[in-house]
Amino acid sequence: MKDERGQALIIVLLIVAILVAVVVEFAYTTRVNIDITMRMRDSIQAKRIAVAALEIEKGLLAADLSISPNADYAVTGELNKNAQLWSQIANFPLPVMIKDKSIGIMRGLISDESGKFDLNALIGSDTITANQTLDGICRRLFEELKLDPNTVDAIEDWIDSDELPRPYGAESEYYESLDPAYRAKDAPMDSITELKMIKGIDEKTFNVLMGKTDVNGKPLLQPADAMDSPLFTVFPKYYDPNSPFRINVNTASPVLLAAMYSLDNSQVQDIISTREQTPFLSIGDFTNELTKIGVDLNNPQVQAVNGYIDVKSNYFSVDGIGIIEDGVTYIVRAVYYRNRQTRTFTLLYWREEPFNN
């Protein structure tokens, strides 16, 4: 009898242990499923907030045409009466309320793609020959960044349509020797991240080109930028190869202005100070400023560069950011062509980036 009672006790204990394990597993699974469901709910809400931010930003870009129909300009830092609204929006995150309860934050970031150097413009309309004026600007820009200007050869080889490497460039023969192997694109870049695939552009160089670090790897403080790089873009030439390439001198970065005209620091700062007080409303306004700071407008290089400047912009990259209070963040990134006459927008690029912190 004692053995039977002992065996029964062991069986009962085993059953209790199994039941406890089942209950614990059920509770854990339920908790995990609830957490996943809540995360999915928060991610959906964050995405909707981000998309709503995009619509607000498009409205601001349209409204700013009424404020200044002849030029597009930006003033960084605190809200400035001289700045267009789109350039200040990053400073004003908006709380998102449901039934008087805050559930998160909406933010918007707008970047003028016309204030950057379009790498796809390096190659001319014949799809093979480099544009000498733009090639010169790009090489000087690399020098300003303390990078090897010969890397521009490799970028041009990546974009052009032939398989003949430039002196410091590379075509498919080089890339096929790598592991993993791949071919040169031999076509315009559709993403700035393609730079990582090009000969001579390692992670360190890429971070400098993206404005994230200096050449020594030191992180740089910079205004939030919608499409990764404050200096380079692949728009608008990728989407409209026949459009003329123009750099908006009202929004071009100081380092790009220096590369365009071989300016020293004091000259660049004079331009920045002038445009923050009174934006350039015409190309003539800007060339008058060049004369004031000692630039010879009769210099052939200056004349050539002046053929690629403007004070207006048609292409903008936009970030809509939705942040739910428990940490779920969703970013929708887009590039739009803004038609100045009809005040309509054409979507050129779309990317979604959910972040579950």
Protein backbone atom coordinates (compact mmCIF):
# COMPACT_ATOMS: atom_id res chain seq x y z
CA MET A 1 0.00 0.00 0.00
CA LYS A 2 2.82 2.37 0.86
CA ASP A 3 4.39 1.81 -2.58
CA GLU A 4 1.07 2.48 -4.28
CA ARG A 5 0.55 5.67 -2.27
CA GLY A 6 4.10 6.77 -3.12
CA GLN A 7 3.55 6.10 -6.79
CA ALA A 8 0.25 8.00 -6.71
CA LEU A 9 1.96 10.95 -5.04
CA ILE A 10 4.65 11.00 -7.70
CA ILE A 11 2.02 10.87 -10.44
CA VAL A 12 0.08 13.74 -8.82
CA LEU A 13 3.26 15.79 -8.51
CA LEU A 14 4.10 15.14 -12.16
CA ILE A 15 0.60 16.16 -13.22
CA VAL A 16 0.81 19.34 -11.10
CA ALA A 17 4.24 20.12 -12.57
CA ILE A 18 2.94 19.62 -16.11
CA LEU A 19 -0.10 21.79 -15.40
CA VAL A 20 2.10 24.52 -13.93
CA ALA A 21 4.37 24.36 -16.98
CA VAL A 22 1.37 24.53 -19.32
CA VAL A 23 -0.11 27.49 -17.42
CA VAL A 24 3.23 29.33 -17.39
CA GLU A 25 3.77 28.68 -21.10
CA PHE A 26 0.20 29.78 -21.87
CA ALA A 27 0.64 32.95 -19.84
CA TYR A 28 4.00 33.69 -21.52
CA THR A 29 2.61 33.03 -25.01
CA THR A 30 -0.42 35.18 -24.27
CA ARG A 31 1.79 37.99 -23.01
CA VAL A 32 4.03 37.75 -26.08
CA ASN A 33 1.03 37.77 -28.41
CA ILE A 34 -0.44 40.78 -26.61
CA ASP A 35 2.89 42.60 -26.86
CA ILE A 36 3.17 41.78 -30.59
CA THR A 37 -0.40 42.95 -31.16
CA MET A 38 0.23 46.21 -29.30
CA ARG A 39 3.42 46.78 -31.27
CA MET A 40 1.56 46.19 -34.52
CA ARG A 41 -1.15 48.61 -33.39
CA ASP A 42 1.43 51.23 -32.42
CA SER A 43 3.32 50.73 -35.69
CA ILE A 44 0.12 51.26 -37.70
CA GLN A 45 -0.68 54.39 -35.70
CA ALA A 46 2.88 55.69 -36.09
CA LYS A 47 2.74 55.12 -39.86
CA ARG A 48 -0.56 57.00 -40.14
CA ILE A 49 0.93 59.89 -38.16
CA ALA A 50 4.00 59.91 -40.44
CA VAL A 51 1.89 59.97 -43.60
CA ALA A 52 -0.21 62.80 -42.14
CA ALA A 53 3.03 64.73 -41.53
CA LEU A 54 3.92 64.32 -45.22
CA GLU A 55 0.63 65.90 -46.23
CA ILE A 56 1.22 68.84 -43.91
CA GLU A 57 4.70 69.33 -45.37
CA LYS A 58 3.36 69.29 -48.92
CA GLY A 59 0.89 71.96 -47.86
CA LEU A 60 3.73 74.09 -46.50
CA LEU A 61 5.73 73.68 -49.70
CA ALA A 62 2.71 74.82 -51.68
CA ALA A 63 1.97 77.73 -49.31
CA ASP A 64 5.55 79.01 -49.47
CA LEU A 65 5.09 79.66 -53.19
CA SER A 66 2.73 82.48 -52.19
CA ILE A 67 5.28 83.91 -49.77
CA SER A 68 8.11 83.93 -52.29
CA PRO A 69 7.13 82.88 -55.82
CA ASN A 70 10.50 83.76 -57.34
CA ALA A 71 12.89 81.98 -54.99
CA ASP A 72 13.24 79.18 -52.46
CA TYR A 73 15.43 79.73 -49.45
CA ALA A 74 16.13 78.48 -45.94
CA VAL A 75 17.49 79.86 -42.72
CA THR A 76 18.70 77.34 -40.18
CA GLY A 77 18.46 77.69 -36.43
CA GLU A 78 15.67 79.40 -34.53
CA LEU A 79 12.50 80.58 -36.26
CA ASN A 80 13.44 83.45 -38.51
CA LYS A 81 11.00 85.81 -40.20
CA ASN A 82 13.12 85.65 -43.36
CA ALA A 83 12.87 81.88 -43.63
CA GLN A 84 10.28 79.96 -45.56
CA LEU A 85 8.17 77.68 -43.40
CA TRP A 86 9.41 74.46 -44.97
CA SER A 87 12.94 75.16 -43.74
CA GLN A 88 11.77 75.63 -40.14
CA ILE A 89 9.32 72.78 -39.73
CA ALA A 90 11.83 70.46 -38.01
CA ASN A 91 11.81 72.77 -35.00
CA PHE A 92 8.13 72.22 -34.30
CA PRO A 93 7.09 68.68 -33.36
CA LEU A 94 3.33 68.46 -32.93
CA PRO A 95 1.60 66.35 -30.23
CA VAL A 96 -0.96 63.85 -31.50
CA MET A 97 -4.12 63.71 -29.41
CA ILE A 98 -6.97 61.19 -29.23
CA LYS A 99 -9.87 62.17 -26.97
CA ASP A 100 -7.73 64.76 -25.17
CA LYS A 101 -5.02 62.18 -24.51
CA SER A 102 -1.58 62.43 -26.05
CA ILE A 103 -0.53 59.24 -27.84
CA GLY A 104 2.60 60.46 -29.54
CA ILE A 105 4.38 63.09 -31.61
CA MET A 106 4.36 64.07 -35.28
CA ARG A 107 7.49 65.53 -36.85
CA GLY A 108 8.35 66.64 -40.34
CA LEU A 109 11.67 67.24 -42.05
CA ILE A 110 12.07 68.85 -45.47
CA SER A 111 15.27 69.05 -47.47
CA ASP A 112 15.85 70.92 -50.72
CA GLU A 113 17.37 68.45 -53.18
CA SER A 114 18.19 71.34 -55.52
CA GLY A 115 20.63 72.71 -52.95
CA LYS A 116 22.84 69.65 -53.33
CA PHE A 117 25.21 68.32 -55.95
CA ASP A 118 23.45 65.85 -58.25
CA LEU A 119 25.95 63.07 -58.91
CA ASN A 120 23.96 61.83 -61.90
CA ALA A 121 24.61 65.17 -63.60
CA LEU A 122 28.32 64.33 -63.85
CA ILE A 123 27.73 62.49 -67.11
CA GLY A 124 26.47 64.42 -70.12
CA SER A 125 23.56 63.68 -72.43
CA ASP A 126 25.63 61.26 -74.52
CA THR A 127 25.70 59.01 -71.37
CA ILE A 128 29.48 58.61 -71.68
CA THR A 129 31.33 61.94 -71.49
CA ALA A 130 31.81 63.75 -68.19
CA ASN A 131 30.57 67.33 -67.90
CA GLN A 132 33.83 69.18 -67.31
CA THR A 133 32.35 72.03 -65.27
CA LEU A 134 30.46 69.71 -62.93
CA ASP A 135 33.39 67.31 -62.78
CA GLY A 136 35.53 70.20 -61.56
CA ILE A 137 33.00 71.19 -58.89
CA CYS A 138 32.75 67.61 -57.64
CA ARG A 139 36.53 67.18 -57.44
CA ARG A 140 36.89 70.45 -55.54
CA LEU A 141 34.06 69.32 -53.25
CA PHE A 142 35.98 66.12 -52.48
CA GLU A 143 39.06 68.23 -51.74
CA GLU A 144 37.02 70.44 -49.39
CA LEU A 145 36.01 67.25 -47.57
CA LYS A 146 39.69 66.14 -47.50
CA LEU A 147 38.90 63.12 -49.67
CA ASP A 148 40.71 61.84 -52.77
CA PRO A 149 39.27 63.76 -55.78
CA ASN A 150 40.30 60.93 -58.10
CA THR A 151 37.40 58.94 -56.64
CA VAL A 152 35.20 61.01 -58.95
CA ASP A 153 36.56 58.90 -61.83
CA ALA A 154 35.05 55.79 -60.27
CA ILE A 155 31.70 57.53 -59.72
CA GLU A 156 31.59 58.60 -63.36
CA ASP A 157 32.45 55.08 -64.52
CA TRP A 158 29.62 53.72 -62.37
CA ILE A 159 27.14 56.10 -64.04
CA ASP A 160 28.32 56.16 -67.66
CA SER A 161 27.05 53.63 -70.18
CA ASP A 162 30.35 52.21 -71.47
CA GLU A 163 32.86 49.73 -70.07
CA LEU A 164 35.99 51.83 -70.57
CA PRO A 165 37.52 52.71 -67.19
CA ARG A 166 38.85 56.18 -66.50
CA PRO A 167 42.43 56.53 -65.15
CA TYR A 168 41.37 56.14 -61.50
CA GLY A 169 37.99 54.56 -62.15
CA ALA A 170 36.64 51.04 -62.49
CA GLU A 171 34.25 49.11 -64.67
CA SER A 172 32.77 45.62 -64.47
CA GLU A 173 36.14 43.86 -64.82
CA TYR A 174 37.17 45.30 -61.45
CA TYR A 175 33.87 44.69 -59.66
CA GLU A 176 33.62 41.11 -60.94
CA SER A 177 36.94 40.36 -59.22
CA LEU A 178 35.41 41.19 -55.82
CA ASP A 179 33.71 38.78 -53.44
CA PRO A 180 30.80 38.94 -53.87
CA ALA A 181 31.16 39.86 -57.53
CA TYR A 182 28.88 42.28 -59.32
CA ARG A 183 28.90 44.45 -62.43
CA ALA A 184 29.23 48.20 -62.77
CA LYS A 185 25.78 49.74 -63.04
CA ASP A 186 26.58 51.82 -66.14
CA ALA A 187 23.42 53.84 -65.56
CA PRO A 188 22.31 56.73 -63.34
CA MET A 189 22.12 56.03 -59.63
CA ASP A 190 18.63 55.70 -58.20
CA SER A 191 19.81 55.83 -54.58
CA ILE A 192 22.59 57.71 -52.84
CA THR A 193 23.47 54.49 -50.98
CA GLU A 194 24.88 53.07 -54.23
CA LEU A 195 28.03 55.00 -53.40
CA LYS A 196 28.94 52.13 -51.07
CA MET A 197 29.37 49.86 -54.09
CA ILE A 198 31.82 52.14 -55.92
CA LYS A 199 35.58 51.67 -55.93
CA GLY A 200 37.37 53.88 -53.38
CA ILE A 201 34.31 54.54 -51.23
CA ASP A 202 34.69 52.57 -48.02
CA GLU A 203 32.55 53.01 -44.91
CA LYS A 204 34.69 55.90 -43.65
CA THR A 205 34.51 57.77 -46.96
CA PHE A 206 30.79 57.09 -47.27
CA ASN A 207 30.11 58.59 -43.83
CA VAL A 208 32.01 61.74 -44.84
CA LEU A 209 30.00 62.02 -48.07
CA MET A 210 26.80 61.60 -46.08
CA GLY A 211 27.85 64.41 -43.73
CA LYS A 212 27.80 62.10 -40.70
CA THR A 213 31.50 62.35 -39.78
CA ASP A 214 34.60 64.27 -40.77
CA VAL A 215 37.54 62.57 -42.44
CA ASN A 216 38.91 61.58 -39.00
CA GLY A 217 35.68 59.84 -38.03
CA LYS A 218 34.51 62.59 -35.66
CA PRO A 219 30.68 62.87 -35.63
CA LEU A 220 29.39 66.10 -37.14
CA LEU A 221 26.57 68.20 -35.79
CA GLN A 222 24.27 69.12 -38.66
CA PRO A 223 20.63 69.98 -39.29
CA ALA A 224 18.46 66.89 -39.71
CA ASP A 225 18.40 65.96 -43.38
CA ALA A 226 15.66 64.01 -45.09
CA MET A 227 17.57 61.95 -47.59
CA ASP A 228 20.80 61.12 -45.76
CA SER A 229 23.29 63.52 -47.31
CA PRO A 230 23.31 67.33 -46.99
CA LEU A 231 25.77 67.55 -49.89
CA PHE A 232 24.84 65.01 -52.56
CA THR A 233 21.71 63.83 -54.29
CA VAL A 234 20.73 61.65 -57.25
CA PHE A 235 17.68 63.80 -58.01
CA PRO A 236 16.41 65.25 -60.28
CA LYS A 237 18.54 63.85 -63.10
CA TYR A 238 17.56 60.24 -62.42
CA TYR A 239 13.87 60.99 -62.85
CA ASP A 240 14.16 63.61 -65.56
CA PRO A 241 17.44 63.20 -67.50
CA ASN A 242 16.48 66.06 -69.82
CA SER A 243 15.99 68.61 -67.03
CA PRO A 244 18.75 71.23 -66.71
CA PHE A 245 20.92 70.77 -63.63
CA ARG A 246 20.82 73.78 -61.32
CA ILE A 247 22.11 74.33 -57.78
CA ASN A 248 19.98 76.62 -55.61
CA VAL A 249 22.51 79.05 -54.12
CA ASN A 250 20.00 79.98 -51.40
CA THR A 251 20.11 76.48 -49.94
CA ALA A 252 23.52 75.15 -51.01
CA SER A 253 25.75 74.24 -48.07
CA PRO A 254 28.83 76.36 -47.30
CA VAL A 255 31.19 73.60 -48.40
CA LEU A 256 29.39 73.25 -51.74
CA LEU A 257 29.53 77.02 -52.34
CA ALA A 258 33.26 76.94 -51.58
CA ALA A 259 33.78 74.12 -54.10
CA MET A 260 31.74 75.81 -56.80
CA TYR A 261 33.77 79.03 -56.82
CA SER A 262 37.01 78.07 -55.03
CA LEU A 263 36.12 80.42 -52.16
CA ASP A 264 37.91 80.84 -48.86
CA ASN A 265 36.11 80.67 -45.51
CA SER A 266 35.58 84.42 -45.15
CA GLN A 267 34.04 84.67 -48.62
CA VAL A 268 31.68 81.78 -47.91
CA GLN A 269 30.63 83.30 -44.60
CA ASP A 270 29.88 86.61 -46.33
CA ILE A 271 27.52 84.80 -48.71
CA ILE A 272 25.82 82.93 -45.85
CA SER A 273 25.37 86.13 -43.82
CA THR A 274 23.94 87.99 -46.79
CA ARG A 275 21.42 85.33 -47.77
CA GLU A 276 20.24 84.90 -44.18
CA GLN A 277 19.44 88.59 -44.02
CA THR A 278 18.06 88.90 -47.56
CA PRO A 279 17.71 85.75 -49.69
CA PHE A 280 18.84 85.98 -53.31
CA LEU A 281 15.67 86.57 -55.32
CA SER A 282 17.45 86.40 -58.68
CA ILE A 283 20.68 85.12 -60.16
CA GLY A 284 21.70 88.74 -60.57
CA ASP A 285 21.41 89.26 -56.82
CA PHE A 286 23.81 86.39 -56.29
CA THR A 287 26.35 87.42 -58.92
CA ASN A 288 26.35 90.92 -57.41
CA GLU A 289 27.27 89.27 -54.10
CA LEU A 290 30.08 87.38 -55.83
CA THR A 291 31.46 90.70 -57.09
CA LYS A 292 31.27 92.18 -53.58
CA ILE A 293 33.37 89.37 -52.11
CA GLY A 294 36.02 89.69 -54.82
CA VAL A 295 35.06 87.00 -57.34
CA ASP A 296 35.94 87.88 -60.94
CA LEU A 297 32.80 87.28 -63.01
CA ASN A 298 34.92 87.29 -66.18
CA ASN A 299 36.88 84.27 -65.01
CA PRO A 300 36.03 81.37 -67.39
CA GLN A 301 35.57 78.94 -64.49
CA VAL A 302 33.19 81.34 -62.75
CA GLN A 303 31.25 81.93 -65.97
CA ALA A 304 30.93 78.18 -66.51
CA VAL A 305 29.70 77.56 -62.95
CA ASN A 306 27.21 80.42 -63.22
CA GLY A 307 25.50 78.43 -65.94
CA TYR A 308 24.46 75.89 -63.30
CA ILE A 309 22.97 78.08 -60.58
CA ASP A 310 19.44 79.12 -59.64
CA VAL A 311 17.51 80.59 -56.72
CA LYS A 312 14.49 78.31 -57.11
CA SER A 313 13.87 74.64 -56.34
CA ASN A 314 11.55 72.02 -57.74
CA TYR A 315 12.68 68.85 -55.98
CA PHE A 316 12.27 68.25 -52.26
CA SER A 317 12.84 65.24 -50.04
CA VAL A 318 10.41 64.91 -47.17
CA ASP A 319 10.37 62.88 -43.96
CA GLY A 320 7.16 62.25 -42.10
CA ILE A 321 7.91 60.89 -38.63
CA GLY A 322 5.39 59.33 -36.27
CA ILE A 323 6.49 58.59 -32.71
CA ILE A 324 4.23 56.67 -30.30
CA GLU A 325 4.87 57.34 -26.62
CA ASP A 326 6.01 53.79 -25.85
CA GLY A 327 8.91 54.23 -28.27
CA VAL A 328 7.61 52.91 -31.60
CA THR A 329 8.81 55.18 -34.42
CA TYR A 330 7.85 55.06 -38.10
CA ILE A 331 9.52 57.14 -40.80
CA VAL A 332 8.12 57.62 -44.28
CA ARG A 333 10.61 59.13 -46.68
CA ALA A 334 9.59 60.57 -50.03
CA VAL A 335 10.89 62.77 -52.82
CA TYR A 336 8.48 65.06 -54.67
CA TYR A 337 8.67 67.18 -57.76
CA ARG A 338 6.80 70.42 -57.07
CA ASN A 339 5.18 72.11 -60.04
CA ARG A 340 5.44 75.83 -59.35
CA GLN A 341 2.63 76.76 -61.73
CA THR A 342 -0.03 74.23 -60.72
CA ARG A 343 1.17 73.77 -57.13
CA THR A 344 0.84 70.04 -57.53
CA PHE A 345 3.27 67.33 -56.46
CA THR A 346 4.54 64.28 -58.28
CA LEU A 347 5.84 61.44 -56.13
CA LEU A 348 9.25 60.24 -57.32
CA TYR A 349 10.51 58.09 -54.47
CA TRP A 350 9.05 56.37 -51.40
CA ARG A 351 10.69 54.47 -48.56
CA GLU A 352 9.30 53.32 -45.23
CA GLU A 353 11.43 52.69 -42.16
CA PRO A 354 9.71 51.27 -39.05
CA PHE A 355 11.75 51.39 -35.85
CA ASN A 356 10.56 49.42 -32.82
CA ASN A 357 12.66 50.68 -29.95
